[in-house]
Amino acid sequence: MKRQALDEGVHSRIRELCAKGDALVAQKQFEQAFGAYRDAWNLVPPPAEDWEATTWILAAIGDL
């Protein structure tokens, strides 16, 4: 699997959404957290397996 660096703006937005999801998980607001992680996932350009962000977004979703 080849790992690439995302555009800084996209990377920053993904990190913000994941942090929001993490905060919502801590508050046990799982549906809202899933929405934040889903929004982050939707920012990952295809093919998703080329991006490191894919790993941590899917791990966060899997932990729900």
N, C-alpha and C. Protein backbone atom coordinates (compact mmCIF):
# COMPACT_ATOMS: atom_id res chain seq x y z
N MET A 1 0.84 -1.17 0.00
CA MET A 1 0.00 0.00 0.00
C MET A 1 0.89 1.24 0.00
N LYS A 2 0.72 2.06 -0.98
CA LYS A 2 1.48 3.31 -1.10
C LYS A 2 0.82 4.38 -0.24
N ARG A 3 1.61 5.07 0.55
CA ARG A 3 1.08 6.15 1.40
C ARG A 3 1.48 7.49 0.82
N GLN A 4 0.51 8.38 0.72
CA GLN A 4 0.75 9.71 0.18
C GLN A 4 0.39 10.76 1.23
N ALA A 5 0.84 11.97 0.99
CA ALA A 5 0.48 13.10 1.84
C ALA A 5 -0.70 13.83 1.21
N LEU A 6 -1.70 14.09 2.01
CA LEU A 6 -2.86 14.83 1.54
C LEU A 6 -2.55 16.31 1.41
N ASP A 7 -3.33 16.99 0.60
CA ASP A 7 -3.30 18.44 0.55
C ASP A 7 -3.49 18.95 1.99
N GLU A 8 -2.73 19.94 2.40
CA GLU A 8 -2.76 20.42 3.78
C GLU A 8 -4.15 20.87 4.22
N GLY A 9 -4.89 21.53 3.35
CA GLY A 9 -6.24 21.97 3.71
C GLY A 9 -7.17 20.80 3.96
N VAL A 10 -7.10 19.79 3.11
CA VAL A 10 -7.92 18.59 3.28
C VAL A 10 -7.50 17.85 4.54
N HIS A 11 -6.20 17.71 4.73
CA HIS A 11 -5.69 17.03 5.92
C HIS A 11 -6.16 17.74 7.20
N SER A 12 -6.09 19.04 7.20
CA SER A 12 -6.51 19.82 8.36
C SER A 12 -8.00 19.61 8.65
N ARG A 13 -8.82 19.63 7.62
CA ARG A 13 -10.26 19.45 7.80
C ARG A 13 -10.56 18.03 8.30
N ILE A 14 -9.89 17.03 7.77
CA ILE A 14 -10.07 15.66 8.24
C ILE A 14 -9.71 15.55 9.71
N ARG A 15 -8.60 16.16 10.10
CA ARG A 15 -8.20 16.13 11.51
C ARG A 15 -9.23 16.81 12.40
N GLU A 16 -9.78 17.93 11.95
CA GLU A 16 -10.82 18.63 12.72
C GLU A 16 -12.05 17.75 12.91
N LEU A 17 -12.48 17.11 11.82
CA LEU A 17 -13.66 16.26 11.90
C LEU A 17 -13.42 15.05 12.80
N CYS A 18 -12.24 14.47 12.72
CA CYS A 18 -11.92 13.34 13.59
C CYS A 18 -11.84 13.76 15.06
N ALA A 19 -11.29 14.93 15.32
CA ALA A 19 -11.25 15.43 16.70
C ALA A 19 -12.67 15.67 17.21
N LYS A 20 -13.53 16.19 16.35
CA LYS A 20 -14.93 16.37 16.72
C LYS A 20 -15.56 15.02 17.02
N GLY A 21 -15.31 14.03 16.17
CA GLY A 21 -15.83 12.69 16.40
C GLY A 21 -15.33 12.11 17.71
N ASP A 22 -14.06 12.29 17.99
CA ASP A 22 -13.48 11.79 19.24
C ASP A 22 -14.15 12.44 20.46
N ALA A 23 -14.40 13.74 20.38
CA ALA A 23 -15.05 14.44 21.48
C ALA A 23 -16.48 13.93 21.67
N LEU A 24 -17.16 13.67 20.57
CA LEU A 24 -18.52 13.16 20.65
C LEU A 24 -18.55 11.75 21.23
N VAL A 25 -17.57 10.93 20.89
CA VAL A 25 -17.48 9.59 21.48
C VAL A 25 -17.31 9.71 22.99
N ALA A 26 -16.46 10.61 23.42
CA ALA A 26 -16.23 10.80 24.85
C ALA A 26 -17.52 11.19 25.58
N GLN A 27 -18.42 11.84 24.85
CA GLN A 27 -19.72 12.24 25.41
C GLN A 27 -20.79 11.19 25.16
N LYS A 28 -20.38 10.04 24.60
CA LYS A 28 -21.28 8.93 24.28
C LYS A 28 -22.36 9.30 23.26
N GLN A 29 -22.02 10.22 22.37
CA GLN A 29 -22.92 10.63 21.29
C GLN A 29 -22.44 9.94 20.02
N PHE A 30 -22.70 8.64 19.97
CA PHE A 30 -22.11 7.79 18.94
C PHE A 30 -22.63 8.07 17.53
N GLU A 31 -23.91 8.34 17.38
CA GLU A 31 -24.44 8.63 16.04
C GLU A 31 -23.83 9.90 15.47
N GLN A 32 -23.71 10.92 16.30
CA GLN A 32 -23.10 12.17 15.86
C GLN A 32 -21.62 11.98 15.56
N ALA A 33 -20.96 11.16 16.37
CA ALA A 33 -19.54 10.87 16.13
C ALA A 33 -19.38 10.17 14.79
N PHE A 34 -20.24 9.19 14.53
CA PHE A 34 -20.18 8.51 13.24
C PHE A 34 -20.33 9.50 12.10
N GLY A 35 -21.23 10.47 12.25
CA GLY A 35 -21.41 11.48 11.21
C GLY A 35 -20.15 12.29 10.96
N ALA A 36 -19.45 12.65 12.03
CA ALA A 36 -18.21 13.41 11.88
C ALA A 36 -17.14 12.57 11.18
N TYR A 37 -17.03 11.30 11.58
CA TYR A 37 -16.05 10.41 10.93
C TYR A 37 -16.43 10.15 9.47
N ARG A 38 -17.72 10.01 9.20
CA ARG A 38 -18.18 9.81 7.82
C ARG A 38 -17.83 11.03 6.96
N ASP A 39 -18.04 12.21 7.52
CA ASP A 39 -17.69 13.43 6.79
C ASP A 39 -16.20 13.49 6.50
N ALA A 40 -15.38 13.05 7.46
CA ALA A 40 -13.93 13.00 7.25
C ALA A 40 -13.61 11.99 6.15
N TRP A 41 -14.23 10.83 6.21
CA TRP A 41 -14.02 9.77 5.20
C TRP A 41 -14.35 10.29 3.80
N ASN A 42 -15.41 11.06 3.70
CA ASN A 42 -15.84 11.58 2.40
C ASN A 42 -14.84 12.56 1.79
N LEU A 43 -13.92 13.06 2.59
CA LEU A 43 -12.89 13.98 2.09
C LEU A 43 -11.66 13.24 1.55
N VAL A 44 -11.55 11.95 1.85
CA VAL A 44 -10.39 11.18 1.39
C VAL A 44 -10.53 10.91 -0.11
N PRO A 45 -9.56 11.35 -0.90
CA PRO A 45 -9.65 11.14 -2.34
C PRO A 45 -9.44 9.67 -2.71
N PRO A 46 -10.09 9.23 -3.78
CA PRO A 46 -9.85 7.85 -4.23
C PRO A 46 -8.48 7.74 -4.90
N PRO A 47 -7.88 6.61 -4.86
CA PRO A 47 -8.29 5.42 -4.11
C PRO A 47 -7.94 5.58 -2.64
N ALA A 48 -8.89 5.27 -1.78
CA ALA A 48 -8.75 5.50 -0.34
C ALA A 48 -7.55 4.79 0.26
N GLU A 49 -7.19 3.62 -0.29
CA GLU A 49 -6.08 2.87 0.30
C GLU A 49 -4.73 3.56 0.10
N ASP A 50 -4.67 4.59 -0.72
CA ASP A 50 -3.42 5.33 -0.92
C ASP A 50 -3.16 6.38 0.15
N TRP A 51 -4.10 6.59 1.05
CA TRP A 51 -3.98 7.69 1.99
C TRP A 51 -3.89 7.18 3.43
N GLU A 52 -2.93 7.70 4.15
CA GLU A 52 -2.73 7.31 5.55
C GLU A 52 -3.95 7.65 6.40
N ALA A 53 -4.63 8.73 6.08
CA ALA A 53 -5.80 9.13 6.85
C ALA A 53 -6.86 8.04 6.87
N THR A 54 -6.90 7.22 5.83
CA THR A 54 -7.87 6.14 5.76
C THR A 54 -7.76 5.24 6.98
N THR A 55 -6.54 4.92 7.38
CA THR A 55 -6.32 4.01 8.51
C THR A 55 -6.93 4.56 9.78
N TRP A 56 -6.64 5.83 10.09
CA TRP A 56 -7.14 6.33 11.38
C TRP A 56 -8.62 6.67 11.34
N ILE A 57 -9.17 7.03 10.20
CA ILE A 57 -10.61 7.27 10.14
C ILE A 57 -11.36 5.94 10.33
N LEU A 58 -10.95 4.91 9.60
CA LEU A 58 -11.63 3.62 9.71
C LEU A 58 -11.44 2.99 11.09
N ALA A 59 -10.28 3.20 11.69
CA ALA A 59 -10.05 2.70 13.06
C ALA A 59 -11.01 3.37 14.03
N ALA A 60 -11.20 4.67 13.88
CA ALA A 60 -12.13 5.40 14.76
C ALA A 60 -13.55 4.90 14.57
N ILE A 61 -13.96 4.68 13.33
CA ILE A 61 -15.30 4.15 13.07
C ILE A 61 -15.43 2.75 13.65
N GLY A 62 -14.41 1.93 13.49
CA GLY A 62 -14.44 0.59 14.03
C GLY A 62 -14.52 0.54 15.54
N ASP A 63 -14.00 1.56 16.20
CA ASP A 63 -14.05 1.62 17.66
C ASP A 63 -15.42 2.04 18.20
N LEU A 64 -16.28 2.52 17.32
CA LEU A 64 -17.62 2.88 17.78
C LEU A 64 -18.31 1.65 18.23
